[in-house]
Amino acid sequence: MSERLVMQAIAALVPRGSRVLDLGCGDGQLLDYLQRERACSGYGIEIDDANVLACVKRGVNVIQLNLDEGLSIFDDSSFDVVLQIDTLQHLRNTENMLVETARVGRTGIVAFPNFAHWPNRLAVARGRMPVTKRLPYQWYDTPNIRVGTFKDFEVLATRNRLQILDAFGLQEGRTIRLMPNARAGTAVFKFERG
């Protein structure tokens, strides 16, 4: 899937001029795109030294922080939008970080690999963990410490009193709204506190 198409799909969910917090921002590419294309401002949160340096070189404001320690440095509703793009599956405290996302931002947007995508289901039915473009690692060397599905996130959001504003899948650059749990490699949700 083209990174550019993913950025455009995520950016379309972010209102122009928003103050954004990007959790696990990597090299700052998405936040840079939002600043240039959507007139957004804000900060990225990243732990990796090389990625922090890449953000600085891009001109993206970045704070080096371990997300497993929470977001206590931010007040309630400090940001219009909090992003967690390919972050949830790497966190030990996924549920707490989701609640913190809703506390710190007026809206949250998450995207993560959808383990229920049909090629993944087929691999498991054949007795193997899936290795796909979206999940390119073997079971023993993956940076993902958990896997989830489109439906799993809906349950978690309900459990934490989050109202889902929009939900869809992404597959090969296309937005998938019909049966995204089976047809999309990436699950995308926009939500707010209920």
N, C-alpha and C. Protein backbone atom coordinates (compact mmCIF):
# COMPACT_ATOMS: atom_id res chain seq x y z
N MET A 1 0.84 -1.17 0.00
CA MET A 1 0.00 0.00 0.00
C MET A 1 0.89 1.23 0.00
N SER A 2 0.56 2.18 -0.82
CA SER A 2 1.34 3.40 -0.94
C SER A 2 1.23 4.23 0.33
N GLU A 3 2.39 4.62 0.88
CA GLU A 3 2.38 5.49 2.06
C GLU A 3 1.67 6.79 1.77
N ARG A 4 1.81 7.28 0.57
CA ARG A 4 1.16 8.54 0.18
C ARG A 4 -0.36 8.41 0.25
N LEU A 5 -0.90 7.30 -0.24
CA LEU A 5 -2.35 7.09 -0.21
C LEU A 5 -2.85 6.93 1.23
N VAL A 6 -2.07 6.28 2.07
CA VAL A 6 -2.44 6.14 3.48
C VAL A 6 -2.45 7.52 4.13
N MET A 7 -1.41 8.32 3.89
CA MET A 7 -1.36 9.67 4.46
C MET A 7 -2.57 10.50 4.01
N GLN A 8 -2.93 10.39 2.75
CA GLN A 8 -4.07 11.15 2.25
C GLN A 8 -5.37 10.69 2.91
N ALA A 9 -5.55 9.39 3.09
CA ALA A 9 -6.76 8.87 3.73
C ALA A 9 -6.84 9.32 5.19
N ILE A 10 -5.72 9.27 5.91
CA ILE A 10 -5.70 9.72 7.30
C ILE A 10 -5.88 11.24 7.36
N ALA A 11 -5.19 11.96 6.51
CA ALA A 11 -5.28 13.43 6.51
C ALA A 11 -6.70 13.91 6.24
N ALA A 12 -7.45 13.18 5.44
CA ALA A 12 -8.84 13.56 5.15
C ALA A 12 -9.71 13.54 6.40
N LEU A 13 -9.31 12.80 7.41
CA LEU A 13 -10.05 12.74 8.67
C LEU A 13 -9.70 13.89 9.62
N VAL A 14 -8.62 14.60 9.33
CA VAL A 14 -8.11 15.66 10.20
C VAL A 14 -8.59 17.01 9.66
N PRO A 15 -9.41 17.73 10.44
CA PRO A 15 -9.87 19.05 9.97
C PRO A 15 -8.70 20.01 9.73
N ARG A 16 -8.83 20.84 8.71
CA ARG A 16 -7.81 21.84 8.40
C ARG A 16 -7.55 22.72 9.62
N GLY A 17 -6.28 23.03 9.84
CA GLY A 17 -5.91 23.92 10.92
C GLY A 17 -5.92 23.29 12.31
N SER A 18 -6.06 21.98 12.39
CA SER A 18 -6.12 21.30 13.69
C SER A 18 -4.78 21.33 14.42
N ARG A 19 -4.87 21.31 15.72
CA ARG A 19 -3.69 21.10 16.57
C ARG A 19 -3.62 19.60 16.80
N VAL A 20 -2.53 18.97 16.35
CA VAL A 20 -2.42 17.52 16.27
C VAL A 20 -1.29 17.00 17.16
N LEU A 21 -1.54 15.87 17.82
CA LEU A 21 -0.51 15.12 18.53
C LEU A 21 -0.42 13.77 17.84
N ASP A 22 0.75 13.44 17.32
CA ASP A 22 0.97 12.18 16.59
C ASP A 22 1.81 11.25 17.47
N LEU A 23 1.16 10.23 18.03
CA LEU A 23 1.80 9.29 18.95
C LEU A 23 2.53 8.21 18.16
N GLY A 24 3.81 8.05 18.43
CA GLY A 24 4.61 7.10 17.66
C GLY A 24 4.78 7.61 16.25
N CYS A 25 5.23 8.86 16.13
CA CYS A 25 5.23 9.56 14.84
C CYS A 25 6.31 9.09 13.87
N GLY A 26 7.19 8.18 14.30
CA GLY A 26 8.24 7.72 13.40
C GLY A 26 9.13 8.87 12.97
N ASP A 27 9.38 8.98 11.68
CA ASP A 27 10.26 10.03 11.17
C ASP A 27 9.55 11.36 10.93
N GLY A 28 8.28 11.46 11.33
CA GLY A 28 7.54 12.72 11.22
C GLY A 28 6.89 12.97 9.88
N GLN A 29 6.89 11.99 9.00
CA GLN A 29 6.37 12.17 7.65
C GLN A 29 4.89 12.59 7.64
N LEU A 30 4.05 11.92 8.45
CA LEU A 30 2.62 12.25 8.45
C LEU A 30 2.38 13.64 9.03
N LEU A 31 3.02 13.97 10.12
CA LEU A 31 2.82 15.29 10.72
C LEU A 31 3.33 16.39 9.78
N ASP A 32 4.42 16.14 9.11
CA ASP A 32 4.94 17.09 8.11
C ASP A 32 3.91 17.28 7.00
N TYR A 33 3.32 16.19 6.53
CA TYR A 33 2.30 16.25 5.49
C TYR A 33 1.09 17.07 5.97
N LEU A 34 0.66 16.82 7.21
CA LEU A 34 -0.49 17.55 7.76
C LEU A 34 -0.18 19.04 7.90
N GLN A 35 1.04 19.37 8.25
CA GLN A 35 1.43 20.77 8.37
C GLN A 35 1.40 21.45 7.00
N ARG A 36 1.94 20.79 6.00
CA ARG A 36 2.02 21.38 4.66
C ARG A 36 0.68 21.39 3.93
N GLU A 37 -0.04 20.27 3.98
CA GLU A 37 -1.25 20.11 3.17
C GLU A 37 -2.55 20.49 3.87
N ARG A 38 -2.54 20.47 5.21
CA ARG A 38 -3.78 20.72 5.96
C ARG A 38 -3.65 21.88 6.95
N ALA A 39 -2.53 22.61 6.90
CA ALA A 39 -2.29 23.76 7.77
C ALA A 39 -2.44 23.41 9.25
N CYS A 40 -2.02 22.22 9.62
CA CYS A 40 -2.09 21.76 11.00
C CYS A 40 -0.82 22.16 11.75
N SER A 41 -0.90 22.12 13.06
CA SER A 41 0.27 22.34 13.90
C SER A 41 0.26 21.25 14.97
N GLY A 42 1.32 21.15 15.73
CA GLY A 42 1.32 20.19 16.81
C GLY A 42 2.67 19.55 17.05
N TYR A 43 2.62 18.37 17.64
CA TYR A 43 3.81 17.65 18.07
C TYR A 43 3.72 16.18 17.71
N GLY A 44 4.89 15.60 17.52
CA GLY A 44 5.01 14.16 17.41
C GLY A 44 5.62 13.63 18.70
N ILE A 45 5.27 12.42 19.04
CA ILE A 45 5.88 11.71 20.18
C ILE A 45 6.60 10.51 19.59
N GLU A 46 7.87 10.36 19.93
CA GLU A 46 8.67 9.26 19.39
C GLU A 46 9.72 8.88 20.41
N ILE A 47 10.07 7.59 20.46
CA ILE A 47 11.09 7.12 21.40
C ILE A 47 12.44 6.88 20.72
N ASP A 48 12.42 6.49 19.45
CA ASP A 48 13.64 6.11 18.74
C ASP A 48 14.50 7.33 18.40
N ASP A 49 15.78 7.28 18.80
CA ASP A 49 16.70 8.41 18.58
C ASP A 49 16.79 8.83 17.12
N ALA A 50 16.93 7.86 16.22
CA ALA A 50 17.08 8.18 14.80
C ALA A 50 15.82 8.84 14.25
N ASN A 51 14.65 8.38 14.68
CA ASN A 51 13.41 8.99 14.23
C ASN A 51 13.23 10.40 14.80
N VAL A 52 13.62 10.60 16.05
CA VAL A 52 13.56 11.95 16.63
C VAL A 52 14.43 12.90 15.81
N LEU A 53 15.63 12.48 15.45
CA LEU A 53 16.52 13.29 14.62
C LEU A 53 15.89 13.57 13.25
N ALA A 54 15.27 12.56 12.66
CA ALA A 54 14.62 12.74 11.36
C ALA A 54 13.49 13.76 11.46
N CYS A 55 12.73 13.74 12.55
CA CYS A 55 11.66 14.73 12.76
C CYS A 55 12.25 16.14 12.82
N VAL A 56 13.30 16.29 13.59
CA VAL A 56 13.95 17.60 13.73
C VAL A 56 14.42 18.09 12.36
N LYS A 57 15.02 17.21 11.58
CA LYS A 57 15.49 17.60 10.24
C LYS A 57 14.34 18.02 9.33
N ARG A 58 13.17 17.43 9.53
CA ARG A 58 11.98 17.79 8.74
C ARG A 58 11.33 19.08 9.22
N GLY A 59 11.71 19.53 10.41
CA GLY A 59 11.07 20.71 10.98
C GLY A 59 9.80 20.36 11.75
N VAL A 60 9.67 19.11 12.16
CA VAL A 60 8.52 18.65 12.93
C VAL A 60 8.86 18.73 14.42
N ASN A 61 7.99 19.38 15.18
CA ASN A 61 8.17 19.43 16.63
C ASN A 61 8.00 18.02 17.19
N VAL A 62 8.97 17.57 17.97
CA VAL A 62 8.93 16.20 18.48
C VAL A 62 9.37 16.18 19.93
N ILE A 63 8.73 15.30 20.69
CA ILE A 63 9.07 15.07 22.09
C ILE A 63 9.48 13.61 22.21
N GLN A 64 10.64 13.36 22.79
CA GLN A 64 11.07 11.98 22.96
C GLN A 64 10.46 11.46 24.26
N LEU A 65 9.61 10.43 24.10
CA LEU A 65 8.83 9.92 25.23
C LEU A 65 8.46 8.47 24.97
N ASN A 66 8.50 7.66 26.01
CA ASN A 66 8.03 6.27 25.94
C ASN A 66 6.53 6.28 26.18
N LEU A 67 5.75 5.90 25.19
CA LEU A 67 4.29 5.94 25.30
C LEU A 67 3.76 4.99 26.38
N ASP A 68 4.50 3.96 26.71
CA ASP A 68 4.05 3.06 27.77
C ASP A 68 4.00 3.77 29.12
N GLU A 69 4.61 4.95 29.22
CA GLU A 69 4.57 5.73 30.46
C GLU A 69 3.37 6.68 30.50
N GLY A 70 2.58 6.74 29.43
CA GLY A 70 1.38 7.57 29.43
C GLY A 70 1.61 8.96 28.89
N LEU A 71 0.56 9.79 29.01
CA LEU A 71 0.57 11.14 28.46
C LEU A 71 0.30 12.19 29.55
N SER A 72 0.77 11.93 30.74
CA SER A 72 0.48 12.82 31.87
C SER A 72 1.04 14.23 31.69
N ILE A 73 1.96 14.43 30.75
CA ILE A 73 2.51 15.76 30.52
C ILE A 73 1.52 16.67 29.79
N PHE A 74 0.40 16.12 29.31
CA PHE A 74 -0.60 16.90 28.58
C PHE A 74 -1.89 17.01 29.36
N ASP A 75 -2.50 18.20 29.32
CA ASP A 75 -3.80 18.43 29.95
C ASP A 75 -4.91 17.82 29.11
N ASP A 76 -6.08 17.71 29.70
CA ASP A 76 -7.27 17.26 28.98
C ASP A 76 -7.54 18.17 27.79
N SER A 77 -7.95 17.58 26.69
CA SER A 77 -8.33 18.31 25.46
C SER A 77 -7.27 19.31 25.01
N SER A 78 -6.00 18.94 25.13
CA SER A 78 -4.90 19.80 24.69
C SER A 78 -4.81 19.89 23.17
N PHE A 79 -5.35 18.89 22.48
CA PHE A 79 -5.23 18.80 21.03
C PHE A 79 -6.60 18.57 20.40
N ASP A 80 -6.73 19.02 19.16
CA ASP A 80 -7.96 18.75 18.41
C ASP A 80 -8.02 17.29 18.00
N VAL A 81 -6.87 16.76 17.57
CA VAL A 81 -6.79 15.39 17.07
C VAL A 81 -5.53 14.72 17.62
N VAL A 82 -5.70 13.48 18.10
CA VAL A 82 -4.55 12.67 18.50
C VAL A 82 -4.51 11.46 17.57
N LEU A 83 -3.37 11.25 16.94
CA LEU A 83 -3.18 10.16 15.99
C LEU A 83 -2.40 9.02 16.64
N GLN A 84 -2.82 7.80 16.34
CA GLN A 84 -2.05 6.60 16.66
C GLN A 84 -2.06 5.74 15.40
N ILE A 85 -1.14 6.00 14.52
CA ILE A 85 -1.07 5.30 13.26
C ILE A 85 0.02 4.23 13.38
N ASP A 86 -0.39 2.98 13.35
CA ASP A 86 0.51 1.84 13.53
C ASP A 86 1.29 1.92 14.85
N THR A 87 0.58 2.28 15.89
CA THR A 87 1.18 2.41 17.21
C THR A 87 0.59 1.43 18.21
N LEU A 88 -0.72 1.27 18.21
CA LEU A 88 -1.40 0.43 19.22
C LEU A 88 -0.81 -0.96 19.36
N GLN A 89 -0.46 -1.58 18.24
CA GLN A 89 0.01 -2.97 18.28
C GLN A 89 1.40 -3.11 18.90
N HIS A 90 2.08 -1.98 19.13
CA HIS A 90 3.43 -2.01 19.72
C HIS A 90 3.42 -1.69 21.21
N LEU A 91 2.28 -1.33 21.76
CA LEU A 91 2.21 -0.87 23.14
C LEU A 91 1.82 -1.98 24.11
N ARG A 92 2.40 -1.92 25.29
CA ARG A 92 2.03 -2.87 26.35
C ARG A 92 0.72 -2.45 27.01
N ASN A 93 0.47 -1.15 27.09
CA ASN A 93 -0.72 -0.64 27.77
C ASN A 93 -1.72 -0.07 26.75
N THR A 94 -2.11 -0.88 25.81
CA THR A 94 -2.96 -0.44 24.70
C THR A 94 -4.23 0.24 25.17
N GLU A 95 -4.94 -0.38 26.09
CA GLU A 95 -6.22 0.18 26.53
C GLU A 95 -6.01 1.51 27.24
N ASN A 96 -5.02 1.60 28.11
CA ASN A 96 -4.73 2.85 28.80
C ASN A 96 -4.37 3.95 27.80
N MET A 97 -3.57 3.63 26.79
CA MET A 97 -3.18 4.64 25.81
C MET A 97 -4.38 5.10 24.97
N LEU A 98 -5.31 4.21 24.73
CA LEU A 98 -6.52 4.59 24.01
C LEU A 98 -7.34 5.58 24.84
N VAL A 99 -7.48 5.30 26.13
CA VAL A 99 -8.20 6.20 27.03
C VAL A 99 -7.47 7.54 27.12
N GLU A 100 -6.14 7.52 27.20
CA GLU A 100 -5.34 8.74 27.24
C GLU A 100 -5.50 9.54 25.94
N THR A 101 -5.58 8.85 24.82
CA THR A 101 -5.80 9.51 23.53
C THR A 101 -7.10 10.30 23.57
N ALA A 102 -8.16 9.66 24.09
CA ALA A 102 -9.46 10.33 24.18
C ALA A 102 -9.44 11.47 25.20
N ARG A 103 -8.62 11.36 26.22
CA ARG A 103 -8.53 12.42 27.24
C ARG A 103 -7.80 13.65 26.69
N VAL A 104 -6.68 13.42 26.02
CA VAL A 104 -5.80 14.50 25.56
C VAL A 104 -6.34 15.18 24.30
N GLY A 105 -7.07 14.44 23.48
CA GLY A 105 -7.59 15.00 22.23
C GLY A 105 -9.10 15.05 22.20
N ARG A 106 -9.61 16.00 21.45
CA ARG A 106 -11.06 16.07 21.26
C ARG A 106 -11.53 14.89 20.41
N THR A 107 -10.70 14.50 19.44
CA THR A 107 -10.96 13.29 18.67
C THR A 107 -9.67 12.49 18.57
N GLY A 108 -9.81 11.20 18.35
CA GLY A 108 -8.68 10.32 18.14
C GLY A 108 -8.82 9.60 16.82
N ILE A 109 -7.70 9.30 16.21
CA ILE A 109 -7.69 8.50 14.98
C ILE A 109 -6.64 7.41 15.17
N VAL A 110 -7.07 6.17 15.01
CA VAL A 110 -6.14 5.05 15.09
C VAL A 110 -6.19 4.26 13.79
N ALA A 111 -5.06 3.69 13.45
CA ALA A 111 -4.96 2.76 12.31
C ALA A 111 -3.99 1.67 12.73
N PHE A 112 -4.32 0.43 12.40
CA PHE A 112 -3.49 -0.70 12.79
C PHE A 112 -3.73 -1.86 11.83
N PRO A 113 -2.78 -2.80 11.77
CA PRO A 113 -2.98 -3.97 10.91
C PRO A 113 -4.18 -4.78 11.39
N ASN A 114 -5.07 -5.10 10.47
CA ASN A 114 -6.27 -5.87 10.78
C ASN A 114 -5.97 -7.36 10.62
N PHE A 115 -5.84 -8.05 11.73
CA PHE A 115 -5.47 -9.46 11.70
C PHE A 115 -6.57 -10.35 11.09
N ALA A 116 -7.80 -9.83 11.00
CA ALA A 116 -8.91 -10.61 10.43
C ALA A 116 -9.00 -10.51 8.91
N HIS A 117 -8.08 -9.80 8.28
CA HIS A 117 -8.07 -9.71 6.82
C HIS A 117 -7.98 -11.12 6.24
N TRP A 118 -8.70 -11.39 5.18
CA TRP A 118 -8.85 -12.77 4.69
C TRP A 118 -7.53 -13.50 4.43
N PRO A 119 -6.47 -12.86 3.88
CA PRO A 119 -5.23 -13.63 3.70
C PRO A 119 -4.63 -14.10 5.04
N ASN A 120 -4.82 -13.29 6.08
CA ASN A 120 -4.34 -13.69 7.40
C ASN A 120 -5.13 -14.89 7.92
N ARG A 121 -6.43 -14.86 7.73
CA ARG A 121 -7.28 -15.97 8.15
C ARG A 121 -6.88 -17.25 7.42
N LEU A 122 -6.60 -17.13 6.14
CA LEU A 122 -6.20 -18.29 5.34
C LEU A 122 -4.88 -18.86 5.85
N ALA A 123 -3.92 -18.00 6.15
CA ALA A 123 -2.63 -18.46 6.66
C ALA A 123 -2.81 -19.22 7.97
N VAL A 124 -3.62 -18.68 8.87
CA VAL A 124 -3.86 -19.35 10.16
C VAL A 124 -4.58 -20.68 9.93
N ALA A 125 -5.54 -20.71 9.00
CA ALA A 125 -6.24 -21.96 8.69
C ALA A 125 -5.27 -23.02 8.16
N ARG A 126 -4.20 -22.58 7.52
CA ARG A 126 -3.19 -23.51 7.01
C ARG A 126 -2.16 -23.86 8.08
N GLY A 127 -2.34 -23.29 9.28
CA GLY A 127 -1.46 -23.63 10.39
C GLY A 127 -0.26 -22.73 10.55
N ARG A 128 -0.22 -21.60 9.88
CA ARG A 128 0.93 -20.68 9.94
C ARG A 128 0.48 -19.28 10.33
N MET A 129 1.37 -18.56 10.96
CA MET A 129 1.12 -17.14 11.19
C MET A 129 1.30 -16.43 9.85
N PRO A 130 0.47 -15.40 9.60
CA PRO A 130 0.54 -14.71 8.31
C PRO A 130 1.80 -13.86 8.16
N VAL A 131 2.29 -13.84 6.93
CA VAL A 131 3.35 -12.91 6.53
C VAL A 131 2.82 -12.26 5.25
N THR A 132 2.50 -10.97 5.35
CA THR A 132 1.91 -10.23 4.23
C THR A 132 2.62 -8.89 4.09
N LYS A 133 2.22 -8.10 3.09
CA LYS A 133 2.78 -6.75 2.96
C LYS A 133 2.50 -5.94 4.22
N ARG A 134 1.34 -6.12 4.80
CA ARG A 134 0.94 -5.35 5.97
C ARG A 134 1.53 -5.90 7.27
N LEU A 135 1.75 -7.21 7.30
CA LEU A 135 2.39 -7.89 8.44
C LEU A 135 3.61 -8.64 7.90
N PRO A 136 4.70 -7.92 7.60
CA PRO A 136 5.81 -8.51 6.86
C PRO A 136 6.81 -9.32 7.69
N TYR A 137 6.52 -9.57 8.94
CA TYR A 137 7.48 -10.26 9.80
C TYR A 137 7.07 -11.69 10.09
N GLN A 138 8.07 -12.50 10.40
CA GLN A 138 7.79 -13.83 10.91
C GLN A 138 7.32 -13.70 12.35
N TRP A 139 6.67 -14.72 12.86
CA TRP A 139 6.12 -14.66 14.22
C TRP A 139 7.19 -14.41 15.28
N TYR A 140 8.42 -14.83 15.01
CA TYR A 140 9.47 -14.76 16.02
C TYR A 140 10.28 -13.46 15.97
N ASP A 141 10.08 -12.63 14.93
CA ASP A 141 10.85 -11.38 14.86
C ASP A 141 9.98 -10.13 14.66
N THR A 142 8.70 -10.25 14.92
CA THR A 142 7.80 -9.12 14.72
C THR A 142 7.93 -8.08 15.83
N PRO A 143 7.87 -6.80 15.48
CA PRO A 143 7.85 -5.77 16.52
C PRO A 143 6.47 -5.61 17.16
N ASN A 144 5.46 -6.24 16.55
CA ASN A 144 4.11 -6.18 17.10
C ASN A 144 4.01 -7.08 18.33
N ILE A 145 3.57 -6.51 19.45
CA ILE A 145 3.43 -7.36 20.63
C ILE A 145 2.01 -7.86 20.79
N ARG A 146 1.11 -7.41 19.93
CA ARG A 146 -0.27 -7.90 19.94
C ARG A 146 -0.86 -7.75 18.54
N VAL A 147 -1.89 -8.49 18.30
CA VAL A 147 -2.63 -8.36 17.05
C VAL A 147 -4.09 -8.08 17.39
N GLY A 148 -4.77 -7.40 16.49
CA GLY A 148 -6.17 -7.07 16.70
C GLY A 148 -6.91 -7.05 15.39
N THR A 149 -8.21 -6.98 15.50
CA THR A 149 -9.06 -6.95 14.32
C THR A 149 -9.96 -5.73 14.37
N PHE A 150 -10.57 -5.47 13.24
CA PHE A 150 -11.54 -4.39 13.13
C PHE A 150 -12.61 -4.54 14.21
N LYS A 151 -13.16 -5.73 14.32
CA LYS A 151 -14.22 -6.00 15.30
C LYS A 151 -13.71 -5.88 16.73
N ASP A 152 -12.47 -6.32 16.98
CA ASP A 152 -11.90 -6.20 18.33
C ASP A 152 -11.86 -4.74 18.77
N PHE A 153 -11.48 -3.85 17.86
CA PHE A 153 -11.40 -2.44 18.24
C PHE A 153 -12.78 -1.88 18.55
N GLU A 154 -13.80 -2.28 17.79
CA GLU A 154 -15.16 -1.82 18.08
C GLU A 154 -15.57 -2.20 19.50
N VAL A 155 -15.24 -3.42 19.93
CA VAL A 155 -15.55 -3.88 21.28
C VAL A 155 -14.78 -3.07 22.32
N LEU A 156 -13.49 -2.84 22.08
CA LEU A 156 -12.66 -2.07 23.00
C LEU A 156 -13.17 -0.63 23.12
N ALA A 157 -13.56 -0.03 22.01
CA ALA A 157 -14.08 1.33 22.03
C ALA A 157 -15.37 1.40 22.85
N THR A 158 -16.26 0.47 22.65
CA THR A 158 -17.51 0.43 23.41
C THR A 158 -17.24 0.25 24.90
N ARG A 159 -16.34 -0.66 25.22
CA ARG A 159 -15.98 -0.92 26.62
C ARG A 159 -15.46 0.34 27.31
N ASN A 160 -14.77 1.21 26.56
CA ASN A 160 -14.18 2.42 27.12
C ASN A 160 -15.01 3.67 26.84
N ARG A 161 -16.26 3.47 26.47
CA ARG A 161 -17.22 4.56 26.25
C ARG A 161 -16.73 5.57 25.22
N LEU A 162 -16.15 5.05 24.15
CA LEU A 162 -15.72 5.90 23.04
C LEU A 162 -16.76 5.80 21.94
N GLN A 163 -17.10 6.92 21.36
CA GLN A 163 -18.06 6.95 20.26
C GLN A 163 -17.30 6.94 18.95
N ILE A 164 -17.52 5.93 18.13
CA ILE A 164 -16.87 5.84 16.83
C ILE A 164 -17.59 6.78 15.85
N LEU A 165 -16.84 7.71 15.30
CA LEU A 165 -17.39 8.69 14.36
C LEU A 165 -17.28 8.22 12.92
N ASP A 166 -16.24 7.46 12.64
CA ASP A 166 -16.03 6.92 11.30
C ASP A 166 -15.16 5.67 11.43
N ALA A 167 -15.38 4.71 10.58
CA ALA A 167 -14.60 3.48 10.59
C ALA A 167 -14.59 2.90 9.18
N PHE A 168 -13.40 2.50 8.75
CA PHE A 168 -13.27 1.89 7.43
C PHE A 168 -11.95 1.13 7.39
N GLY A 169 -11.76 0.40 6.32
CA GLY A 169 -10.50 -0.29 6.10
C GLY A 169 -9.75 0.35 4.95
N LEU A 170 -8.46 0.08 4.90
CA LEU A 170 -7.63 0.48 3.77
C LEU A 170 -6.97 -0.77 3.21
N GLN A 171 -7.02 -0.90 1.89
CA GLN A 171 -6.39 -2.03 1.23
C GLN A 171 -5.85 -1.58 -0.11
N GLU A 172 -4.54 -1.70 -0.28
CA GLU A 172 -3.89 -1.31 -1.53
C GLU A 172 -4.28 0.09 -1.96
N GLY A 173 -4.38 1.01 -0.99
CA GLY A 173 -4.68 2.39 -1.28
C GLY A 173 -6.16 2.71 -1.43
N ARG A 174 -7.01 1.70 -1.36
CA ARG A 174 -8.46 1.90 -1.50
C ARG A 174 -9.13 1.91 -0.13
N THR A 175 -10.16 2.75 0.00
CA THR A 175 -10.99 2.75 1.21
C THR A 175 -12.01 1.64 1.08
N ILE A 176 -12.10 0.80 2.11
CA ILE A 176 -13.01 -0.34 2.12
C ILE A 176 -14.05 -0.12 3.22
N ARG A 177 -15.30 0.05 2.84
CA ARG A 177 -16.36 0.25 3.82
C ARG A 177 -17.27 -0.97 3.93
N LEU A 178 -17.35 -1.77 2.90
CA LEU A 178 -18.16 -2.99 2.93
C LEU A 178 -17.32 -4.14 3.46
N MET A 179 -17.70 -4.69 4.59
CA MET A 179 -17.02 -5.82 5.23
C MET A 179 -15.51 -5.57 5.41
N PRO A 180 -15.12 -4.46 6.03
CA PRO A 180 -13.70 -4.17 6.17
C PRO A 180 -12.96 -5.17 7.06
N ASN A 181 -13.66 -5.85 7.97
CA ASN A 181 -12.99 -6.81 8.84
C ASN A 181 -12.36 -7.95 8.04
N ALA A 182 -12.98 -8.32 6.95
CA ALA A 182 -12.45 -9.41 6.12
C ALA A 182 -11.68 -8.90 4.90
N ARG A 183 -12.00 -7.70 4.43
CA ARG A 183 -11.49 -7.25 3.14
C ARG A 183 -10.35 -6.23 3.20
N ALA A 184 -9.94 -5.80 4.41
CA ALA A 184 -8.92 -4.75 4.49
C ALA A 184 -7.78 -5.15 5.41
N GLY A 185 -6.57 -4.84 4.98
CA GLY A 185 -5.38 -5.12 5.77
C GLY A 185 -5.15 -4.12 6.88
N THR A 186 -5.75 -2.93 6.77
CA THR A 186 -5.60 -1.89 7.79
C THR A 186 -6.98 -1.46 8.27
N ALA A 187 -7.14 -1.38 9.58
CA ALA A 187 -8.37 -0.86 10.19
C ALA A 187 -8.12 0.59 10.59
N VAL A 188 -9.09 1.46 10.31
CA VAL A 188 -8.99 2.89 10.63
C VAL A 188 -10.25 3.31 11.37
N PHE A 189 -10.05 4.01 12.49
CA PHE A 189 -11.19 4.50 13.29
C PHE A 189 -10.95 5.95 13.70
N LYS A 190 -12.02 6.73 13.64
CA LYS A 190 -12.03 8.07 14.21
C LYS A 190 -13.05 8.05 15.34
N PHE A 191 -12.68 8.55 16.51
CA PHE A 191 -13.57 8.43 17.67
C PHE A 191 -13.43 9.65 18.59
N GLU A 192 -14.37 9.75 19.52
CA GLU A 192 -14.33 10.76 20.56
C GLU A 192 -14.88 10.17 21.84
N ARG A 193 -14.69 10.89 22.93
CA ARG A 193 -15.27 10.45 24.19
C ARG A 193 -16.78 10.44 24.08
N GLY A 194 -17.40 9.39 24.61
CA GLY A 194 -18.87 9.26 24.53
C GLY A 194 -19.58 10.02 25.60
